Amino acid sequence: MGKPSDLVQGTLDLLILKTISLEPKHGWAIAKRIQQISSDVLRVQQGSLYPALHRLEQKAWIKAKWAETETGRKAKFYSLTAAGRAQLEKEAANWDRLSAAIDLVVEAT
């Protein structure tokens, strides 16, 4: 079995966009939320998370704003833009199509 941190290539964008779709979060909170929701199966390392956040910000799918965390420290909080919300819908539809196709292959007898 693969390492718990293994992600299907291309899914990190989807996970990030979905995680911040309800409310803005800072990087560490995004990683912890993904880990929590996945029952500790998915772990996004900082070396993958922050370049992905930067890439999504460059594409204007997310925007960042400095604010204070619950512990009183300053951090960048990321939220979806209108373009990011549209991209989330596309990414989710692509994931549904891909995962359904993989299920067909895996379940074939």
PDB file of N, CA and C in Angstrom:
ATOM      1  N   MET A   1       0.842  -1.178   0.000  1.00  0.00           N
ATOM      2  CA  MET A   1       0.000   0.000   0.000  1.00  0.00           C
ATOM      3  C   MET A   1       0.887   1.240   0.000  1.00  0.00           C
ATOM      4  N   GLY A   2       0.424   2.297  -0.657  1.00  0.00           N
ATOM      5  CA  GLY A   2       1.194   3.535  -0.738  1.00  0.00           C
ATOM      6  C   GLY A   2       1.254   4.244   0.601  1.00  0.00           C
ATOM      7  N   LYS A   3       2.119   5.225   0.666  1.00  0.00           N
ATOM      8  CA  LYS A   3       2.216   6.043   1.869  1.00  0.00           C
ATOM      9  C   LYS A   3       0.908   6.806   2.045  1.00  0.00           C
ATOM     10  N   PRO A   4       0.520   7.109   3.287  1.00  0.00           N
ATOM     11  CA  PRO A   4      -0.722   7.851   3.510  1.00  0.00           C
ATOM     12  C   PRO A   4      -0.735   9.202   2.801  1.00  0.00           C
ATOM     13  N   SER A   5       0.427   9.764   2.549  1.00  0.00           N
ATOM     14  CA  SER A   5       0.473  11.095   1.939  1.00  0.00           C
ATOM     15  C   SER A   5       0.370  11.055   0.421  1.00  0.00           C
ATOM     16  N   ASP A   6       0.367   9.859  -0.178  1.00  0.00           N
ATOM     17  CA  ASP A   6       0.266   9.764  -1.636  1.00  0.00           C
ATOM     18  C   ASP A   6      -1.083  10.298  -2.103  1.00  0.00           C
ATOM     19  N   LEU A   7      -1.050  11.196  -3.063  1.00  0.00           N
ATOM     20  CA  LEU A   7      -2.270  11.732  -3.647  1.00  0.00           C
ATOM     21  C   LEU A   7      -2.251  11.462  -5.135  1.00  0.00           C
ATOM     22  N   VAL A   8      -3.409  11.177  -5.689  1.00  0.00           N
ATOM     23  CA  VAL A   8      -3.502  11.045  -7.130  1.00  0.00           C
ATOM     24  C   VAL A   8      -3.087  12.386  -7.721  1.00  0.00           C
ATOM     25  N   GLN A   9      -2.228  12.345  -8.715  1.00  0.00           N
ATOM     26  CA  GLN A   9      -1.721  13.578  -9.309  1.00  0.00           C
ATOM     27  C   GLN A   9      -2.879  14.478  -9.733  1.00  0.00           C
ATOM     28  N   GLY A  10      -2.795  15.736  -9.368  1.00  0.00           N
ATOM     29  CA  GLY A  10      -3.818  16.687  -9.749  1.00  0.00           C
ATOM     30  C   GLY A  10      -4.934  16.869  -8.740  1.00  0.00           C
ATOM     31  N   THR A  11      -4.971  16.069  -7.685  1.00  0.00           N
ATOM     32  CA  THR A  11      -6.069  16.189  -6.723  1.00  0.00           C
ATOM     33  C   THR A  11      -5.825  17.247  -5.655  1.00  0.00           C
ATOM     34  N   LEU A  12      -4.592  17.684  -5.482  1.00  0.00           N
ATOM     35  CA  LEU A  12      -4.304  18.658  -4.432  1.00  0.00           C
ATOM     36  C   LEU A  12      -5.071  19.962  -4.661  1.00  0.00           C
ATOM     37  N   ASP A  13      -5.135  20.424  -5.905  1.00  0.00           N
ATOM     38  CA  ASP A  13      -5.892  21.646  -6.192  1.00  0.00           C
ATOM     39  C   ASP A  13      -7.346  21.480  -5.767  1.00  0.00           C
ATOM     40  N   LEU A  14      -7.938  20.360  -6.133  1.00  0.00           N
ATOM     41  CA  LEU A  14      -9.329  20.084  -5.772  1.00  0.00           C
ATOM     42  C   LEU A  14      -9.505  20.089  -4.255  1.00  0.00           C
ATOM     43  N   LEU A  15      -8.611  19.430  -3.535  1.00  0.00           N
ATOM     44  CA  LEU A  15      -8.715  19.360  -2.075  1.00  0.00           C
ATOM     45  C   LEU A  15      -8.611  20.740  -1.435  1.00  0.00           C
ATOM     46  N   ILE A  16      -7.686  21.551  -1.927  1.00  0.00           N
ATOM     47  CA  ILE A  16      -7.519  22.902  -1.380  1.00  0.00           C
ATOM     48  C   ILE A  16      -8.749  23.747  -1.674  1.00  0.00           C
ATOM     49  N   LEU A  17      -9.190  23.749  -2.935  1.00  0.00           N
ATOM     50  CA  LEU A  17     -10.355  24.554  -3.310  1.00  0.00           C
ATOM     51  C   LEU A  17     -11.584  24.156  -2.499  1.00  0.00           C
ATOM     52  N   LYS A  18     -11.796  22.862  -2.335  1.00  0.00           N
ATOM     53  CA  LYS A  18     -12.948  22.386  -1.566  1.00  0.00           C
ATOM     54  C   LYS A  18     -12.827  22.792  -0.098  1.00  0.00           C
ATOM     55  N   THR A  19     -11.635  22.692   0.450  1.00  0.00           N
ATOM     56  CA  THR A  19     -11.422  22.988   1.872  1.00  0.00           C
ATOM     57  C   THR A  19     -11.712  24.444   2.204  1.00  0.00           C
ATOM     58  N   ILE A  20     -11.384  25.351   1.296  1.00  0.00           N
ATOM     59  CA  ILE A  20     -11.628  26.768   1.590  1.00  0.00           C
ATOM     60  C   ILE A  20     -12.940  27.269   0.985  1.00  0.00           C
ATOM     61  N   SER A  21     -13.748  26.374   0.447  1.00  0.00           N
ATOM     62  CA  SER A  21     -14.990  26.804  -0.193  1.00  0.00           C
ATOM     63  C   SER A  21     -16.013  27.339   0.811  1.00  0.00           C
ATOM     64  N   LEU A  22     -15.955  26.899   2.039  1.00  0.00           N
ATOM     65  CA  LEU A  22     -16.917  27.354   3.043  1.00  0.00           C
ATOM     66  C   LEU A  22     -16.452  28.591   3.796  1.00  0.00           C
ATOM     67  N   GLU A  23     -15.154  28.647   4.082  1.00  0.00           N
ATOM     68  CA  GLU A  23     -14.619  29.803   4.811  1.00  0.00           C
ATOM     69  C   GLU A  23     -13.123  29.911   4.577  1.00  0.00           C
ATOM     70  N   PRO A  24     -12.585  31.134   4.657  1.00  0.00           N
ATOM     71  CA  PRO A  24     -11.139  31.313   4.487  1.00  0.00           C
ATOM     72  C   PRO A  24     -10.364  30.560   5.570  1.00  0.00           C
ATOM     73  N   LYS A  25      -9.209  30.033   5.171  1.00  0.00           N
ATOM     74  CA  LYS A  25      -8.339  29.324   6.119  1.00  0.00           C
ATOM     75  C   LYS A  25      -6.892  29.655   5.792  1.00  0.00           C
ATOM     76  N   HIS A  26      -6.045  29.581   6.806  1.00  0.00           N
ATOM     77  CA  HIS A  26      -4.610  29.743   6.575  1.00  0.00           C
ATOM     78  C   HIS A  26      -4.015  28.383   6.231  1.00  0.00           C
ATOM     79  N   GLY A  27      -2.800  28.392   5.728  1.00  0.00           N
ATOM     80  CA  GLY A  27      -2.183  27.180   5.205  1.00  0.00           C
ATOM     81  C   GLY A  27      -2.199  25.996   6.152  1.00  0.00           C
ATOM     82  N   TRP A  28      -1.756  26.206   7.378  1.00  0.00           N
ATOM     83  CA  TRP A  28      -1.708  25.103   8.339  1.00  0.00           C
ATOM     84  C   TRP A  28      -3.110  24.547   8.585  1.00  0.00           C
ATOM     85  N   ALA A  29      -4.107  25.432   8.672  1.00  0.00           N
ATOM     86  CA  ALA A  29      -5.482  24.997   8.903  1.00  0.00           C
ATOM     87  C   ALA A  29      -6.025  24.208   7.711  1.00  0.00           C
ATOM     88  N   ILE A  30      -5.613  24.573   6.502  1.00  0.00           N
ATOM     89  CA  ILE A  30      -6.024  23.825   5.310  1.00  0.00           C
ATOM     90  C   ILE A  30      -5.491  22.400   5.401  1.00  0.00           C
ATOM     91  N   ALA A  31      -4.211  22.270   5.690  1.00  0.00           N
ATOM     92  CA  ALA A  31      -3.589  20.944   5.790  1.00  0.00           C
ATOM     93  C   ALA A  31      -4.241  20.113   6.887  1.00  0.00           C
ATOM     94  N   LYS A  32      -4.498  20.720   8.044  1.00  0.00           N
ATOM     95  CA  LYS A  32      -5.110  19.990   9.161  1.00  0.00           C
ATOM     96  C   LYS A  32      -6.543  19.577   8.828  1.00  0.00           C
ATOM     97  N   ARG A  33      -7.281  20.425   8.128  1.00  0.00           N
ATOM     98  CA  ARG A  33      -8.662  20.102   7.776  1.00  0.00           C
ATOM     99  C   ARG A  33      -8.712  18.931   6.798  1.00  0.00           C
ATOM    100  N   ILE A  34      -7.825  18.932   5.809  1.00  0.00           N
ATOM    101  CA  ILE A  34      -7.771  17.816   4.863  1.00  0.00           C
ATOM    102  C   ILE A  34      -7.451  16.520   5.609  1.00  0.00           C
ATOM    103  N   GLN A  35      -6.491  16.591   6.520  1.00  0.00           N
ATOM    104  CA  GLN A  35      -6.119  15.421   7.317  1.00  0.00           C
ATOM    105  C   GLN A  35      -7.293  14.956   8.167  1.00  0.00           C
ATOM    106  N   GLN A  36      -7.977  15.898   8.794  1.00  0.00           N
ATOM    107  CA  GLN A  36      -9.109  15.566   9.672  1.00  0.00           C
ATOM    108  C   GLN A  36     -10.264  14.957   8.881  1.00  0.00           C
ATOM    109  N   ILE A  37     -10.666  15.585   7.793  1.00  0.00           N
ATOM    110  CA  ILE A  37     -11.803  15.102   7.003  1.00  0.00           C
ATOM    111  C   ILE A  37     -11.512  13.724   6.408  1.00  0.00           C
ATOM    112  N   SER A  38     -10.249  13.472   6.056  1.00  0.00           N
ATOM    113  CA  SER A  38      -9.884  12.187   5.441  1.00  0.00           C
ATOM    114  C   SER A  38      -9.590  11.104   6.484  1.00  0.00           C
ATOM    115  N   SER A  39      -9.939  11.355   7.734  1.00  0.00           N
ATOM    116  CA  SER A  39      -9.674  10.408   8.825  1.00  0.00           C
ATOM    117  C   SER A  39      -8.197  10.053   8.909  1.00  0.00           C
ATOM    118  N   ASP A  40      -7.358  11.072   8.750  1.00  0.00           N
ATOM    119  CA  ASP A  40      -5.905  10.939   8.909  1.00  0.00           C
ATOM    120  C   ASP A  40      -5.234  10.133   7.789  1.00  0.00           C
ATOM    121  N   VAL A  41      -5.929   9.952   6.665  1.00  0.00           N
ATOM    122  CA  VAL A  41      -5.343   9.219   5.543  1.00  0.00           C
ATOM    123  C   VAL A  41      -4.530  10.148   4.661  1.00  0.00           C
ATOM    124  N   LEU A  42      -5.047  11.336   4.401  1.00  0.00           N
ATOM    125  CA  LEU A  42      -4.346  12.303   3.545  1.00  0.00           C
ATOM    126  C   LEU A  42      -3.608  13.318   4.398  1.00  0.00           C
ATOM    127  N   ARG A  43      -2.332  13.452   4.130  1.00  0.00           N
ATOM    128  CA  ARG A  43      -1.505  14.428   4.835  1.00  0.00           C
ATOM    129  C   ARG A  43      -0.779  15.259   3.798  1.00  0.00           C
ATOM    130  N   VAL A  44      -1.081  16.539   3.770  1.00  0.00           N
ATOM    131  CA  VAL A  44      -0.462  17.436   2.802  1.00  0.00           C
ATOM    132  C   VAL A  44       0.743  18.087   3.474  1.00  0.00           C
ATOM    133  N   GLN A  45       1.910  17.839   2.926  1.00  0.00           N
ATOM    134  CA  GLN A  45       3.147  18.388   3.474  1.00  0.00           C
ATOM    135  C   GLN A  45       3.312  19.849   3.042  1.00  0.00           C
ATOM    136  N   GLN A  46       4.005  20.624   3.874  1.00  0.00           N
ATOM    137  CA  GLN A  46       4.228  22.038   3.563  1.00  0.00           C
ATOM    138  C   GLN A  46       4.910  22.227   2.218  1.00  0.00           C
ATOM    139  N   GLY A  47       5.806  21.309   1.873  1.00  0.00           N
ATOM    140  CA  GLY A  47       6.533  21.400   0.610  1.00  0.00           C
ATOM    141  C   GLY A  47       5.640  21.231  -0.603  1.00  0.00           C
ATOM    142  N   SER A  48       4.462  20.673  -0.422  1.00  0.00           N
ATOM    143  CA  SER A  48       3.477  20.562  -1.500  1.00  0.00           C
ATOM    144  C   SER A  48       2.400  21.639  -1.376  1.00  0.00           C
ATOM    145  N   LEU A  49       1.991  21.919  -0.144  1.00  0.00           N
ATOM    146  CA  LEU A  49       0.881  22.832   0.091  1.00  0.00           C
ATOM    147  C   LEU A  49       1.189  24.258  -0.360  1.00  0.00           C
ATOM    148  N   TYR A  50       2.286  24.823   0.106  1.00  0.00           N
ATOM    149  CA  TYR A  50       2.538  26.238  -0.162  1.00  0.00           C
ATOM    150  C   TYR A  50       2.825  26.539  -1.632  1.00  0.00           C
ATOM    151  N   PRO A  51       3.551  25.679  -2.353  1.00  0.00           N
ATOM    152  CA  PRO A  51       3.662  25.909  -3.797  1.00  0.00           C
ATOM    153  C   PRO A  51       2.298  25.818  -4.502  1.00  0.00           C
ATOM    154  N   ALA A  52       1.438  24.910  -4.039  1.00  0.00           N
ATOM    155  CA  ALA A  52       0.105  24.787  -4.635  1.00  0.00           C
ATOM    156  C   ALA A  52      -0.725  26.043  -4.346  1.00  0.00           C
ATOM    157  N   LEU A  53      -0.665  26.539  -3.132  1.00  0.00           N
ATOM    158  CA  LEU A  53      -1.389  27.772  -2.797  1.00  0.00           C
ATOM    159  C   LEU A  53      -0.898  28.930  -3.661  1.00  0.00           C
ATOM    160  N   HIS A  54       0.398  29.016  -3.837  1.00  0.00           N
ATOM    161  CA  HIS A  54       0.975  30.084  -4.673  1.00  0.00           C
ATOM    162  C   HIS A  54       0.487  29.942  -6.111  1.00  0.00           C
ATOM    163  N   ARG A  55       0.487  28.719  -6.626  1.00  0.00           N
ATOM    164  CA  ARG A  55       0.043  28.467  -8.000  1.00  0.00           C
ATOM    165  C   ARG A  55      -1.436  28.838  -8.165  1.00  0.00           C
ATOM    166  N   LEU A  56      -2.266  28.462  -7.206  1.00  0.00           N
ATOM    167  CA  LEU A  56      -3.694  28.775  -7.274  1.00  0.00           C
ATOM    168  C   LEU A  56      -3.937  30.280  -7.181  1.00  0.00           C
ATOM    169  N   GLU A  57      -3.105  30.953  -6.399  1.00  0.00           N
ATOM    170  CA  GLU A  57      -3.214  32.414  -6.285  1.00  0.00           C
ATOM    171  C   GLU A  57      -2.802  33.076  -7.606  1.00  0.00           C
ATOM    172  N   GLN A  58      -1.762  32.551  -8.252  1.00  0.00           N
ATOM    173  CA  GLN A  58      -1.309  33.078  -9.548  1.00  0.00           C
ATOM    174  C   GLN A  58      -2.390  32.910 -10.617  1.00  0.00           C
ATOM    175  N   LYS A  59      -3.165  31.826 -10.521  1.00  0.00           N
ATOM    176  CA  LYS A  59      -4.246  31.574 -11.487  1.00  0.00           C
ATOM    177  C   LYS A  59      -5.505  32.372 -11.139  1.00  0.00           C
ATOM    178  N   ALA A  60      -5.470  33.100 -10.026  1.00  0.00           N
ATOM    179  CA  ALA A  60      -6.594  33.912  -9.538  1.00  0.00           C
ATOM    180  C   ALA A  60      -7.797  33.064  -9.128  1.00  0.00           C
ATOM    181  N   TRP A  61      -7.543  31.816  -8.724  1.00  0.00           N
ATOM    182  CA  TRP A  61      -8.607  30.953  -8.223  1.00  0.00           C
ATOM    183  C   TRP A  61      -8.806  31.152  -6.725  1.00  0.00           C
ATOM    184  N   ILE A  62      -7.767  31.644  -6.062  1.00  0.00           N
ATOM    185  CA  ILE A  62      -7.864  31.979  -4.646  1.00  0.00           C
ATOM    186  C   ILE A  62      -7.237  33.349  -4.439  1.00  0.00           C
ATOM    187  N   LYS A  63      -7.587  33.973  -3.342  1.00  0.00           N
ATOM    188  CA  LYS A  63      -6.941  35.229  -2.962  1.00  0.00           C
ATOM    189  C   LYS A  63      -6.501  35.106  -1.514  1.00  0.00           C
ATOM    190  N   ALA A  64      -5.478  35.850  -1.175  1.00  0.00           N
ATOM    191  CA  ALA A  64      -4.915  35.779   0.174  1.00  0.00           C
ATOM    192  C   ALA A  64      -5.042  37.129   0.865  1.00  0.00           C
ATOM    193  N   LYS A  65      -5.269  37.075   2.155  1.00  0.00           N
ATOM    194  CA  LYS A  65      -5.384  38.284   2.958  1.00  0.00           C
ATOM    195  C   LYS A  65      -4.728  38.013   4.310  1.00  0.00           C
ATOM    196  N   TRP A  66      -3.864  38.922   4.744  1.00  0.00           N
ATOM    197  CA  TRP A  66      -3.230  38.758   6.049  1.00  0.00           C
ATOM    198  C   TRP A  66      -4.249  39.048   7.142  1.00  0.00           C
ATOM    199  N   ALA A  67      -4.279  38.188   8.146  1.00  0.00           N
ATOM    200  CA  ALA A  67      -5.175  38.363   9.288  1.00  0.00           C
ATOM    201  C   ALA A  67      -4.574  37.633  10.488  1.00  0.00           C
ATOM    202  N   GLU A  68      -5.202  37.817  11.620  1.00  0.00           N
ATOM    203  CA  GLU A  68      -4.732  37.187  12.849  1.00  0.00           C
ATOM    204  C   GLU A  68      -5.397  35.824  13.027  1.00  0.00           C
ATOM    205  N   THR A  69      -4.608  34.832  13.417  1.00  0.00           N
ATOM    206  CA  THR A  69      -5.143  33.499  13.677  1.00  0.00           C
ATOM    207  C   THR A  69      -5.800  33.476  15.054  1.00  0.00           C
ATOM    208  N   GLU A  70      -6.406  32.337  15.360  1.00  0.00           N
ATOM    209  CA  GLU A  70      -7.040  32.179  16.660  1.00  0.00           C
ATOM    210  C   GLU A  70      -6.032  32.250  17.804  1.00  0.00           C
ATOM    211  N   THR A  71      -4.748  32.021  17.491  1.00  0.00           N
ATOM    212  CA  THR A  71      -3.705  32.093  18.525  1.00  0.00           C
ATOM    213  C   THR A  71      -3.045  33.472  18.581  1.00  0.00           C
ATOM    214  N   GLY A  72      -3.530  34.395  17.736  1.00  0.00           N
ATOM    215  CA  GLY A  72      -3.011  35.757  17.764  1.00  0.00           C
ATOM    216  C   GLY A  72      -1.830  36.013  16.848  1.00  0.00           C
ATOM    217  N   ARG A  73      -1.459  35.050  16.063  1.00  0.00           N
ATOM    218  CA  ARG A  73      -0.336  35.218  15.156  1.00  0.00           C
ATOM    219  C   ARG A  73      -0.854  35.620  13.782  1.00  0.00           C
ATOM    220  N   LYS A  74      -0.059  36.386  13.032  1.00  0.00           N
ATOM    221  CA  LYS A  74      -0.429  36.816  11.679  1.00  0.00           C
ATOM    222  C   LYS A  74      -0.206  35.678  10.689  1.00  0.00           C
ATOM    223  N   ALA A  75      -1.156  35.500   9.779  1.00  0.00           N
ATOM    224  CA  ALA A  75      -1.037  34.463   8.753  1.00  0.00           C
ATOM    225  C   ALA A  75      -1.845  34.889   7.536  1.00  0.00           C
ATOM    226  N   LYS A  76      -1.487  34.312   6.397  1.00  0.00           N
ATOM    227  CA  LYS A  76      -2.253  34.543   5.180  1.00  0.00           C
ATOM    228  C   LYS A  76      -3.461  33.622   5.193  1.00  0.00           C
ATOM    229  N   PHE A  77      -4.640  34.197   5.034  1.00  0.00           N
ATOM    230  CA  PHE A  77      -5.870  33.424   4.944  1.00  0.00           C
ATOM    231  C   PHE A  77      -6.285  33.389   3.485  1.00  0.00           C
ATOM    232  N   TYR A  78      -6.602  32.189   3.007  1.00  0.00           N
ATOM    233  CA  TYR A  78      -6.933  31.990   1.601  1.00  0.00           C
ATOM    234  C   TYR A  78      -8.434  31.780   1.451  1.00  0.00           C
ATOM    235  N   SER A  79      -8.998  32.403   0.414  1.00  0.00           N
ATOM    236  CA  SER A  79     -10.414  32.224   0.113  1.00  0.00           C
ATOM    237  C   SER A  79     -10.587  32.082  -1.395  1.00  0.00           C
ATOM    238  N   LEU A  80     -11.725  31.516  -1.779  1.00  0.00           N
ATOM    239  CA  LEU A  80     -12.013  31.316  -3.197  1.00  0.00           C
ATOM    240  C   LEU A  80     -12.434  32.621  -3.860  1.00  0.00           C
ATOM    241  N   THR A  81     -12.050  32.773  -5.106  1.00  0.00           N
ATOM    242  CA  THR A  81     -12.573  33.843  -5.945  1.00  0.00           C
ATOM    243  C   THR A  81     -13.734  33.256  -6.743  1.00  0.00           C
ATOM    244  N   ALA A  82     -14.422  34.087  -7.507  1.00  0.00           N
ATOM    245  CA  ALA A  82     -15.498  33.587  -8.368  1.00  0.00           C
ATOM    246  C   ALA A  82     -14.926  32.584  -9.370  1.00  0.00           C
ATOM    247  N   ALA A  83     -13.750  32.900  -9.916  1.00  0.00           N
ATOM    248  CA  ALA A  83     -13.103  31.968 -10.855  1.00  0.00           C
ATOM    249  C   ALA A  83     -12.731  30.665 -10.150  1.00  0.00           C
ATOM    250  N   GLY A  84     -12.332  30.758  -8.893  1.00  0.00           N
ATOM    251  CA  GLY A  84     -11.988  29.567  -8.114  1.00  0.00           C
ATOM    252  C   GLY A  84     -13.191  28.693  -7.846  1.00  0.00           C
ATOM    253  N   ARG A  85     -14.335  29.316  -7.603  1.00  0.00           N
ATOM    254  CA  ARG A  85     -15.563  28.559  -7.376  1.00  0.00           C
ATOM    255  C   ARG A  85     -15.962  27.805  -8.653  1.00  0.00           C
ATOM    256  N   ALA A  86     -15.816  28.469  -9.801  1.00  0.00           N
ATOM    257  CA  ALA A  86     -16.108  27.809 -11.083  1.00  0.00           C
ATOM    258  C   ALA A  86     -15.124  26.668 -11.325  1.00  0.00           C
ATOM    259  N   GLN A  87     -13.853  26.895 -11.001  1.00  0.00           N
ATOM    260  CA  GLN A  87     -12.839  25.850 -11.179  1.00  0.00           C
ATOM    261  C   GLN A  87     -13.108  24.667 -10.252  1.00  0.00           C
ATOM    262  N   LEU A  88     -13.558  24.940  -9.036  1.00  0.00           N
ATOM    263  CA  LEU A  88     -13.898  23.864  -8.098  1.00  0.00           C
ATOM    264  C   LEU A  88     -14.981  22.969  -8.696  1.00  0.00           C
ATOM    265  N   GLU A  89     -15.983  23.564  -9.318  1.00  0.00           N
ATOM    266  CA  GLU A  89     -17.038  22.771  -9.953  1.00  0.00           C
ATOM    267  C   GLU A  89     -16.467  21.894 -11.065  1.00  0.00           C
ATOM    268  N   LYS A  90     -15.568  22.454 -11.883  1.00  0.00           N
ATOM    269  CA  LYS A  90     -14.935  21.685 -12.963  1.00  0.00           C
ATOM    270  C   LYS A  90     -14.089  20.553 -12.406  1.00  0.00           C
ATOM    271  N   GLU A  91     -13.280  20.875 -11.401  1.00  0.00           N
ATOM    272  CA  GLU A  91     -12.391  19.873 -10.797  1.00  0.00           C
ATOM    273  C   GLU A  91     -13.204  18.736 -10.165  1.00  0.00           C
ATOM    274  N   ALA A  92     -14.293  19.086  -9.476  1.00  0.00           N
ATOM    275  CA  ALA A  92     -15.132  18.072  -8.832  1.00  0.00           C
ATOM    276  C   ALA A  92     -15.784  17.177  -9.886  1.00  0.00           C
ATOM    277  N   ALA A  93     -16.251  17.764 -10.979  1.00  0.00           N
ATOM    278  CA  ALA A  93     -16.862  16.974 -12.048  1.00  0.00           C
ATOM    279  C   ALA A  93     -15.835  16.039 -12.681  1.00  0.00           C
ATOM    280  N   ASN A  94     -14.620  16.551 -12.902  1.00  0.00           N
ATOM    281  CA  ASN A  94     -13.552  15.706 -13.454  1.00  0.00           C
ATOM    282  C   ASN A  94     -13.219  14.566 -12.500  1.00  0.00           C
ATOM    283  N   TRP A  95     -13.175  14.855 -11.197  1.00  0.00           N
ATOM    284  CA  TRP A  95     -12.884  13.822 -10.208  1.00  0.00           C
ATOM    285  C   TRP A  95     -13.977  12.757 -10.212  1.00  0.00           C
ATOM    286  N   ASP A  96     -15.233  13.182 -10.263  1.00  0.00           N
ATOM    287  CA  ASP A  96     -16.346  12.223 -10.289  1.00  0.00           C
ATOM    288  C   ASP A  96     -16.217  11.296 -11.499  1.00  0.00           C
ATOM    289  N   ARG A  97     -15.897  11.875 -12.657  1.00  0.00           N
ATOM    290  CA  ARG A  97     -15.758  11.088 -13.885  1.00  0.00           C
ATOM    291  C   ARG A  97     -14.589  10.117 -13.778  1.00  0.00           C
ATOM    292  N   LEU A  98     -13.449  10.603 -13.287  1.00  0.00           N
ATOM    293  CA  LEU A  98     -12.250   9.773 -13.157  1.00  0.00           C
ATOM    294  C   LEU A  98     -12.452   8.660 -12.132  1.00  0.00           C
ATOM    295  N   SER A  99     -12.991   8.996 -10.977  1.00  0.00           N
ATOM    296  CA  SER A  99     -13.154   7.977  -9.933  1.00  0.00           C
ATOM    297  C   SER A  99     -14.187   6.930 -10.345  1.00  0.00           C
ATOM    298  N   ALA A 100     -15.224   7.334 -11.075  1.00  0.00           N
ATOM    299  CA  ALA A 100     -16.207   6.368 -11.564  1.00  0.00           C
ATOM    300  C   ALA A 100     -15.560   5.410 -12.564  1.00  0.00           C
ATOM    301  N   ALA A 101     -14.707   5.940 -13.427  1.00  0.00           N
ATOM    302  CA  ALA A 101     -14.018   5.097 -14.408  1.00  0.00           C
ATOM    303  C   ALA A 101     -13.067   4.122 -13.710  1.00  0.00           C
ATOM    304  N   ILE A 102     -12.352   4.587 -12.703  1.00  0.00           N
ATOM    305  CA  ILE A 102     -11.442   3.715 -11.950  1.00  0.00           C
ATOM    306  C   ILE A 102     -12.248   2.631 -11.240  1.00  0.00           C
ATOM    307  N   ASP A 103     -13.384   2.997 -10.642  1.00  0.00           N
ATOM    308  CA  ASP A 103     -14.249   2.008 -10.001  1.00  0.00           C
ATOM    309  C   ASP A 103     -14.673   0.916 -10.977  1.00  0.00           C
ATOM    310  N   LEU A 104     -15.016   1.314 -12.192  1.00  0.00           N
ATOM    311  CA  LEU A 104     -15.424   0.321 -13.206  1.00  0.00           C
ATOM    312  C   LEU A 104     -14.316  -0.688 -13.463  1.00  0.00           C
ATOM    313  N   VAL A 105     -13.090  -0.199 -13.580  1.00  0.00           N
ATOM    314  CA  VAL A 105     -11.955  -1.090 -13.843  1.00  0.00           C
ATOM    315  C   VAL A 105     -11.680  -1.985 -12.645  1.00  0.00           C
ATOM    316  N   VAL A 106     -11.656  -1.387 -11.463  1.00  0.00           N
ATOM    317  CA  VAL A 106     -11.341  -2.148 -10.246  1.00  0.00           C
ATOM    318  C   VAL A 106     -12.408  -3.202  -9.956  1.00  0.00           C
ATOM    319  N   GLU A 107     -13.667  -2.874 -10.186  1.00  0.00           N
ATOM    320  CA  GLU A 107     -14.768  -3.776  -9.866  1.00  0.00           C
ATOM    321  C   GLU A 107     -15.062  -4.788 -10.966  1.00  0.00           C
ATOM    322  N   ALA A 108     -14.422  -4.651 -12.137  1.00  0.00           N
ATOM    323  CA  ALA A 108     -14.678  -5.568 -13.252  1.00  0.00           C
ATOM    324  C   ALA A 108     -14.282  -7.003 -12.859  1.00  0.00           C
ATOM    325  N   THR A 109     -15.106  -7.945 -13.239  1.00  0.00           N
ATOM    326  CA  THR A 109     -14.820  -9.342 -12.903  1.00  0.00           C
ATOM    327  C   THR A 109     -14.494 -10.149 -14.133  1.00  0.00           C
TER     328      THR A 109
END
